N, C-alpha and C. Protein backbone atom coordinates (compact mmCIF):
# COMPACT_ATOMS: atom_id res chain seq x y z
N MET A 1 -94.39 -101.68 120.04
CA MET A 1 -95.29 -100.65 119.57
C MET A 1 -96.31 -100.34 120.64
N ASP A 2 -96.66 -99.08 120.72
CA ASP A 2 -97.68 -98.73 121.69
C ASP A 2 -99.08 -98.91 121.09
N THR A 3 -100.10 -98.79 121.92
CA THR A 3 -101.48 -99.04 121.52
C THR A 3 -101.94 -98.09 120.43
N SER A 4 -101.59 -96.82 120.54
CA SER A 4 -102.05 -95.85 119.53
C SER A 4 -101.46 -96.16 118.16
N THR A 5 -100.23 -96.63 118.10
CA THR A 5 -99.63 -97.02 116.83
C THR A 5 -100.35 -98.22 116.23
N LEU A 6 -100.68 -99.19 117.06
CA LEU A 6 -101.40 -100.37 116.58
C LEU A 6 -102.79 -99.99 116.08
N VAL A 7 -103.45 -99.09 116.77
CA VAL A 7 -104.78 -98.63 116.35
C VAL A 7 -104.67 -97.93 115.00
N MET A 8 -103.65 -97.08 114.83
CA MET A 8 -103.46 -96.36 113.57
C MET A 8 -103.18 -97.34 112.44
N ILE A 9 -102.34 -98.34 112.67
CA ILE A 9 -102.04 -99.33 111.64
C ILE A 9 -103.31 -100.11 111.27
N GLY A 10 -104.09 -100.48 112.26
CA GLY A 10 -105.35 -101.18 112.01
C GLY A 10 -106.31 -100.34 111.19
N ALA A 11 -106.39 -99.06 111.50
CA ALA A 11 -107.27 -98.17 110.74
C ALA A 11 -106.81 -98.03 109.30
N LEU A 12 -105.52 -97.92 109.09
CA LEU A 12 -104.99 -97.81 107.72
C LEU A 12 -105.24 -99.08 106.92
N VAL A 13 -105.09 -100.23 107.55
CA VAL A 13 -105.38 -101.50 106.88
C VAL A 13 -106.86 -101.57 106.51
N ALA A 14 -107.73 -101.16 107.41
CA ALA A 14 -109.17 -101.18 107.13
C ALA A 14 -109.52 -100.25 105.97
N ILE A 15 -108.94 -99.06 105.95
CA ILE A 15 -109.19 -98.11 104.86
C ILE A 15 -108.68 -98.68 103.54
N ALA A 16 -107.51 -99.25 103.55
CA ALA A 16 -106.95 -99.84 102.33
C ALA A 16 -107.85 -100.96 101.82
N PHE A 17 -108.37 -101.79 102.72
CA PHE A 17 -109.27 -102.87 102.32
C PHE A 17 -110.52 -102.31 101.66
N LEU A 18 -111.11 -101.27 102.26
CA LEU A 18 -112.32 -100.67 101.69
C LEU A 18 -112.06 -100.07 100.31
N VAL A 19 -110.95 -99.38 100.16
CA VAL A 19 -110.61 -98.78 98.87
C VAL A 19 -110.39 -99.87 97.82
N LEU A 20 -109.62 -100.89 98.15
CA LEU A 20 -109.34 -101.95 97.19
C LEU A 20 -110.56 -102.79 96.87
N SER A 21 -111.48 -102.96 97.82
CA SER A 21 -112.67 -103.77 97.55
C SER A 21 -113.62 -103.07 96.61
N ARG A 22 -113.53 -101.75 96.50
CA ARG A 22 -114.38 -100.99 95.58
C ARG A 22 -113.74 -100.86 94.21
N ARG A 23 -112.48 -101.19 94.11
CA ARG A 23 -111.76 -101.01 92.86
C ARG A 23 -112.32 -101.94 91.79
N PRO A 24 -112.71 -101.38 90.65
CA PRO A 24 -113.21 -102.22 89.56
C PRO A 24 -112.15 -103.19 89.07
N SER A 25 -112.60 -104.33 88.58
CA SER A 25 -111.65 -105.32 88.07
C SER A 25 -111.60 -105.32 86.55
N VAL A 26 -112.44 -104.49 85.91
CA VAL A 26 -112.49 -104.44 84.45
C VAL A 26 -112.84 -103.02 84.02
N SER A 27 -112.25 -102.59 82.92
CA SER A 27 -112.57 -101.26 82.39
C SER A 27 -113.93 -101.29 81.70
N GLY A 28 -114.49 -100.13 81.47
CA GLY A 28 -115.76 -100.04 80.77
C GLY A 28 -115.72 -100.68 79.39
N PRO A 29 -114.74 -100.31 78.55
CA PRO A 29 -114.68 -100.92 77.22
C PRO A 29 -114.47 -102.43 77.26
N ASP A 30 -113.66 -102.91 78.20
CA ASP A 30 -113.46 -104.35 78.30
C ASP A 30 -114.72 -105.06 78.78
N ALA A 31 -115.47 -104.43 79.70
CA ALA A 31 -116.73 -105.00 80.16
C ALA A 31 -117.72 -105.09 79.00
N TRP A 32 -117.79 -104.02 78.22
CA TRP A 32 -118.68 -104.01 77.05
C TRP A 32 -118.33 -105.16 76.10
N GLN A 33 -117.03 -105.36 75.87
CA GLN A 33 -116.59 -106.44 74.98
C GLN A 33 -116.95 -107.81 75.55
N LEU A 34 -116.77 -107.98 76.85
CA LEU A 34 -117.15 -109.24 77.49
C LEU A 34 -118.64 -109.53 77.28
N VAL A 35 -119.47 -108.52 77.47
CA VAL A 35 -120.92 -108.69 77.29
C VAL A 35 -121.24 -108.98 75.83
N GLN A 36 -120.56 -108.30 74.91
CA GLN A 36 -120.78 -108.58 73.49
C GLN A 36 -120.43 -110.02 73.14
N ASN A 37 -119.48 -110.58 73.88
CA ASN A 37 -119.04 -111.96 73.64
C ASN A 37 -119.81 -112.99 74.48
N GLY A 38 -120.88 -112.56 75.16
CA GLY A 38 -121.74 -113.50 75.85
C GLY A 38 -121.79 -113.44 77.36
N ALA A 39 -120.99 -112.60 77.99
CA ALA A 39 -121.04 -112.49 79.46
C ALA A 39 -122.38 -111.91 79.89
N ARG A 40 -122.87 -112.33 81.05
CA ARG A 40 -124.10 -111.78 81.62
C ARG A 40 -123.78 -110.46 82.29
N LEU A 41 -124.56 -109.43 81.98
CA LEU A 41 -124.43 -108.13 82.62
C LEU A 41 -125.44 -108.09 83.76
N VAL A 42 -124.95 -107.91 84.99
CA VAL A 42 -125.81 -108.01 86.17
C VAL A 42 -125.74 -106.73 87.00
N ASP A 43 -126.90 -106.14 87.21
CA ASP A 43 -127.07 -104.95 88.04
C ASP A 43 -127.45 -105.42 89.43
N VAL A 44 -126.62 -105.13 90.43
CA VAL A 44 -126.90 -105.60 91.79
C VAL A 44 -127.53 -104.51 92.67
N ARG A 45 -128.01 -103.45 92.04
CA ARG A 45 -128.71 -102.41 92.79
C ARG A 45 -130.12 -102.89 93.15
N THR A 46 -130.84 -102.11 93.93
CA THR A 46 -132.20 -102.47 94.32
C THR A 46 -133.13 -102.46 93.11
N ARG A 47 -134.28 -103.07 93.29
CA ARG A 47 -135.28 -103.09 92.22
C ARG A 47 -135.71 -101.67 91.84
N ASP A 48 -135.87 -100.80 92.83
CA ASP A 48 -136.26 -99.42 92.55
C ASP A 48 -135.18 -98.68 91.75
N GLU A 49 -133.92 -98.87 92.13
CA GLU A 49 -132.84 -98.23 91.38
C GLU A 49 -132.83 -98.73 89.94
N PHE A 50 -132.99 -100.03 89.77
CA PHE A 50 -133.02 -100.64 88.45
C PHE A 50 -134.17 -100.07 87.62
N ALA A 51 -135.34 -99.94 88.23
CA ALA A 51 -136.53 -99.42 87.54
C ALA A 51 -136.33 -97.97 87.08
N ASN A 52 -135.49 -97.24 87.80
CA ASN A 52 -135.22 -95.84 87.44
C ASN A 52 -134.16 -95.69 86.36
N GLY A 53 -133.66 -96.80 85.84
CA GLY A 53 -132.68 -96.76 84.76
C GLY A 53 -131.58 -97.78 84.98
N HIS A 54 -131.21 -98.45 83.89
CA HIS A 54 -130.16 -99.47 83.96
C HIS A 54 -129.50 -99.60 82.60
N LEU A 55 -128.41 -100.34 82.57
CA LEU A 55 -127.70 -100.56 81.32
C LEU A 55 -128.49 -101.53 80.45
N PRO A 56 -128.46 -101.33 79.14
CA PRO A 56 -129.23 -102.20 78.23
C PRO A 56 -128.85 -103.68 78.38
N GLY A 57 -129.87 -104.51 78.51
CA GLY A 57 -129.64 -105.95 78.59
C GLY A 57 -129.28 -106.47 79.96
N ALA A 58 -129.22 -105.59 80.95
CA ALA A 58 -128.81 -106.02 82.30
C ALA A 58 -129.91 -106.82 82.99
N LEU A 59 -129.48 -107.80 83.76
CA LEU A 59 -130.34 -108.59 84.63
C LEU A 59 -130.25 -107.97 86.01
N ASN A 60 -131.38 -107.73 86.66
CA ASN A 60 -131.37 -107.16 88.00
C ASN A 60 -131.41 -108.27 89.04
N LEU A 61 -130.29 -108.44 89.74
CA LEU A 61 -130.20 -109.35 90.88
C LEU A 61 -129.69 -108.53 92.05
N PRO A 62 -130.60 -107.87 92.80
CA PRO A 62 -130.16 -107.04 93.91
C PRO A 62 -129.24 -107.81 94.85
N LEU A 63 -128.23 -107.15 95.36
CA LEU A 63 -127.25 -107.80 96.23
C LEU A 63 -127.92 -108.57 97.35
N GLN A 64 -128.95 -107.99 97.96
CA GLN A 64 -129.61 -108.66 99.09
C GLN A 64 -130.38 -109.90 98.66
N GLU A 65 -130.60 -110.11 97.36
CA GLU A 65 -131.29 -111.30 96.85
C GLU A 65 -130.35 -112.25 96.12
N LEU A 66 -129.12 -111.86 95.92
CA LEU A 66 -128.20 -112.63 95.08
C LEU A 66 -128.04 -114.08 95.54
N SER A 67 -127.88 -114.29 96.82
CA SER A 67 -127.64 -115.66 97.29
C SER A 67 -128.84 -116.57 97.05
N THR A 68 -130.05 -116.03 97.07
CA THR A 68 -131.24 -116.86 96.85
C THR A 68 -131.62 -116.97 95.37
N ARG A 69 -131.07 -116.09 94.54
CA ARG A 69 -131.42 -116.10 93.10
C ARG A 69 -130.21 -116.45 92.23
N ILE A 70 -129.16 -116.96 92.83
CA ILE A 70 -127.90 -117.21 92.14
C ILE A 70 -128.07 -118.15 90.93
N ALA A 71 -129.04 -119.04 91.00
CA ALA A 71 -129.27 -119.99 89.89
C ALA A 71 -129.65 -119.27 88.60
N GLU A 72 -130.18 -118.05 88.70
CA GLU A 72 -130.57 -117.29 87.51
C GLU A 72 -129.36 -116.91 86.65
N LEU A 73 -128.19 -117.01 87.22
CA LEU A 73 -126.97 -116.68 86.47
C LEU A 73 -126.50 -117.83 85.58
N GLY A 74 -127.01 -119.02 85.83
CA GLY A 74 -126.50 -120.20 85.14
C GLY A 74 -125.59 -120.92 86.12
N GLY A 75 -124.50 -121.45 85.64
CA GLY A 75 -123.57 -122.17 86.50
C GLY A 75 -122.30 -121.39 86.75
N PRO A 76 -121.41 -121.97 87.53
CA PRO A 76 -120.15 -121.30 87.88
C PRO A 76 -119.23 -121.01 86.70
N ASP A 77 -119.49 -121.59 85.55
CA ASP A 77 -118.69 -121.29 84.37
C ASP A 77 -119.23 -120.10 83.58
N THR A 78 -120.39 -119.57 83.99
CA THR A 78 -120.98 -118.41 83.33
C THR A 78 -120.09 -117.19 83.55
N GLN A 79 -119.86 -116.44 82.50
CA GLN A 79 -119.11 -115.18 82.63
C GLN A 79 -120.08 -114.10 83.09
N VAL A 80 -119.69 -113.35 84.12
CA VAL A 80 -120.57 -112.36 84.73
C VAL A 80 -119.84 -111.03 84.89
N VAL A 81 -120.49 -109.96 84.43
CA VAL A 81 -120.00 -108.60 84.65
C VAL A 81 -121.01 -107.93 85.57
N LEU A 82 -120.54 -107.50 86.74
CA LEU A 82 -121.39 -106.89 87.76
C LEU A 82 -121.22 -105.38 87.81
N TYR A 83 -122.30 -104.68 88.14
CA TYR A 83 -122.19 -103.24 88.37
C TYR A 83 -123.24 -102.78 89.38
N CYS A 84 -123.03 -101.58 89.90
CA CYS A 84 -123.98 -100.95 90.82
C CYS A 84 -123.84 -99.44 90.66
N ALA A 85 -124.11 -98.69 91.70
CA ALA A 85 -124.01 -97.23 91.62
C ALA A 85 -122.59 -96.73 91.86
N SER A 86 -121.86 -97.37 92.76
CA SER A 86 -120.53 -96.86 93.12
C SER A 86 -119.41 -97.89 92.99
N GLY A 87 -119.76 -99.15 92.97
CA GLY A 87 -118.77 -100.21 92.94
C GLY A 87 -118.70 -101.00 94.24
N SER A 88 -119.32 -100.50 95.29
CA SER A 88 -119.29 -101.21 96.59
C SER A 88 -120.08 -102.50 96.53
N ARG A 89 -121.34 -102.41 96.15
CA ARG A 89 -122.18 -103.61 96.12
C ARG A 89 -121.70 -104.61 95.08
N SER A 90 -121.26 -104.12 93.93
CA SER A 90 -120.78 -105.05 92.90
C SER A 90 -119.49 -105.73 93.35
N GLY A 91 -118.68 -105.04 94.15
CA GLY A 91 -117.48 -105.66 94.71
C GLY A 91 -117.83 -106.77 95.69
N VAL A 92 -118.83 -106.52 96.53
CA VAL A 92 -119.29 -107.55 97.47
C VAL A 92 -119.86 -108.74 96.69
N ALA A 93 -120.65 -108.45 95.66
CA ALA A 93 -121.25 -109.51 94.85
C ALA A 93 -120.17 -110.34 94.15
N ALA A 94 -119.14 -109.68 93.65
CA ALA A 94 -118.04 -110.41 92.98
C ALA A 94 -117.36 -111.35 93.96
N ARG A 95 -117.07 -110.88 95.16
CA ARG A 95 -116.44 -111.74 96.16
C ARG A 95 -117.35 -112.90 96.53
N MET A 96 -118.65 -112.64 96.63
CA MET A 96 -119.60 -113.69 96.97
C MET A 96 -119.62 -114.78 95.89
N LEU A 97 -119.71 -114.36 94.63
CA LEU A 97 -119.75 -115.34 93.54
C LEU A 97 -118.45 -116.14 93.48
N LYS A 98 -117.33 -115.47 93.63
CA LYS A 98 -116.04 -116.18 93.59
C LYS A 98 -115.94 -117.19 94.73
N SER A 99 -116.46 -116.82 95.90
CA SER A 99 -116.41 -117.75 97.04
C SER A 99 -117.31 -118.96 96.82
N LYS A 100 -118.28 -118.83 95.93
CA LYS A 100 -119.19 -119.94 95.62
C LYS A 100 -118.77 -120.70 94.36
N GLY A 101 -117.56 -120.40 93.86
CA GLY A 101 -117.01 -121.17 92.76
C GLY A 101 -117.11 -120.56 91.38
N TRP A 102 -117.67 -119.36 91.26
CA TRP A 102 -117.72 -118.71 89.94
C TRP A 102 -116.30 -118.36 89.54
N LYS A 103 -115.95 -118.69 88.32
CA LYS A 103 -114.57 -118.53 87.86
C LYS A 103 -114.35 -117.27 87.03
N HIS A 104 -115.39 -116.78 86.38
CA HIS A 104 -115.26 -115.67 85.44
C HIS A 104 -116.16 -114.52 85.87
N VAL A 105 -115.71 -113.76 86.86
CA VAL A 105 -116.49 -112.67 87.44
C VAL A 105 -115.69 -111.38 87.33
N TRP A 106 -116.32 -110.34 86.80
CA TRP A 106 -115.67 -109.04 86.69
C TRP A 106 -116.55 -107.99 87.33
N ASN A 107 -115.92 -107.07 88.04
CA ASN A 107 -116.61 -105.96 88.68
C ASN A 107 -116.37 -104.71 87.84
N LEU A 108 -117.41 -104.26 87.13
CA LEU A 108 -117.32 -103.00 86.39
C LEU A 108 -117.25 -101.82 87.36
N GLY A 109 -117.92 -101.96 88.49
CA GLY A 109 -117.99 -100.85 89.44
C GLY A 109 -119.25 -100.05 89.16
N ALA A 110 -119.10 -98.74 89.07
CA ALA A 110 -120.24 -97.86 88.81
C ALA A 110 -120.72 -97.99 87.37
N SER A 111 -122.03 -97.91 87.19
CA SER A 111 -122.61 -98.01 85.85
C SER A 111 -122.10 -96.90 84.93
N THR A 112 -121.67 -95.79 85.50
CA THR A 112 -121.17 -94.68 84.68
C THR A 112 -119.87 -95.02 83.96
N ARG A 113 -119.23 -96.15 84.31
CA ARG A 113 -118.01 -96.56 83.63
C ARG A 113 -118.29 -97.28 82.31
N TRP A 114 -119.57 -97.60 82.05
CA TRP A 114 -119.98 -98.26 80.81
C TRP A 114 -119.75 -97.30 79.65
N PRO A 115 -119.21 -97.77 78.53
CA PRO A 115 -118.94 -96.88 77.40
C PRO A 115 -120.19 -96.12 76.95
N GLY A 116 -120.05 -94.81 76.82
CA GLY A 116 -121.15 -93.96 76.37
C GLY A 116 -122.11 -93.56 77.46
N LYS A 117 -121.92 -94.05 78.66
CA LYS A 117 -122.81 -93.74 79.78
C LYS A 117 -122.28 -92.55 80.53
N THR A 118 -123.16 -91.63 80.87
CA THR A 118 -122.77 -90.50 81.70
C THR A 118 -123.60 -90.54 82.98
N ALA A 119 -123.17 -89.78 83.96
CA ALA A 119 -123.85 -89.77 85.26
C ALA A 119 -125.31 -89.48 85.07
């Protein structure tokens, strides 16, 4: 293969990774049911974004503070549903928690996917 083909393949792999990393792992109705059954609903947006509106009952743990405030979630057996504005930050947060041993982590993605929520 020539260099341009390898560069194109690398770019396609990178794009696929970005698309898949933003993909929610749970539907809105299923996330709602998880929260009704005791899962923690966590908003990983900034404090200002959270102050401007958030889902009812959500805990605000901004992505940039998650590693230092992780104890606020409980332990690795705690069920956690994460969300943000687009799904990017919640996807990063989900991977971070899973890498630290959390077993029950779901990425809702954008808050607009919550049942009854509109943009």
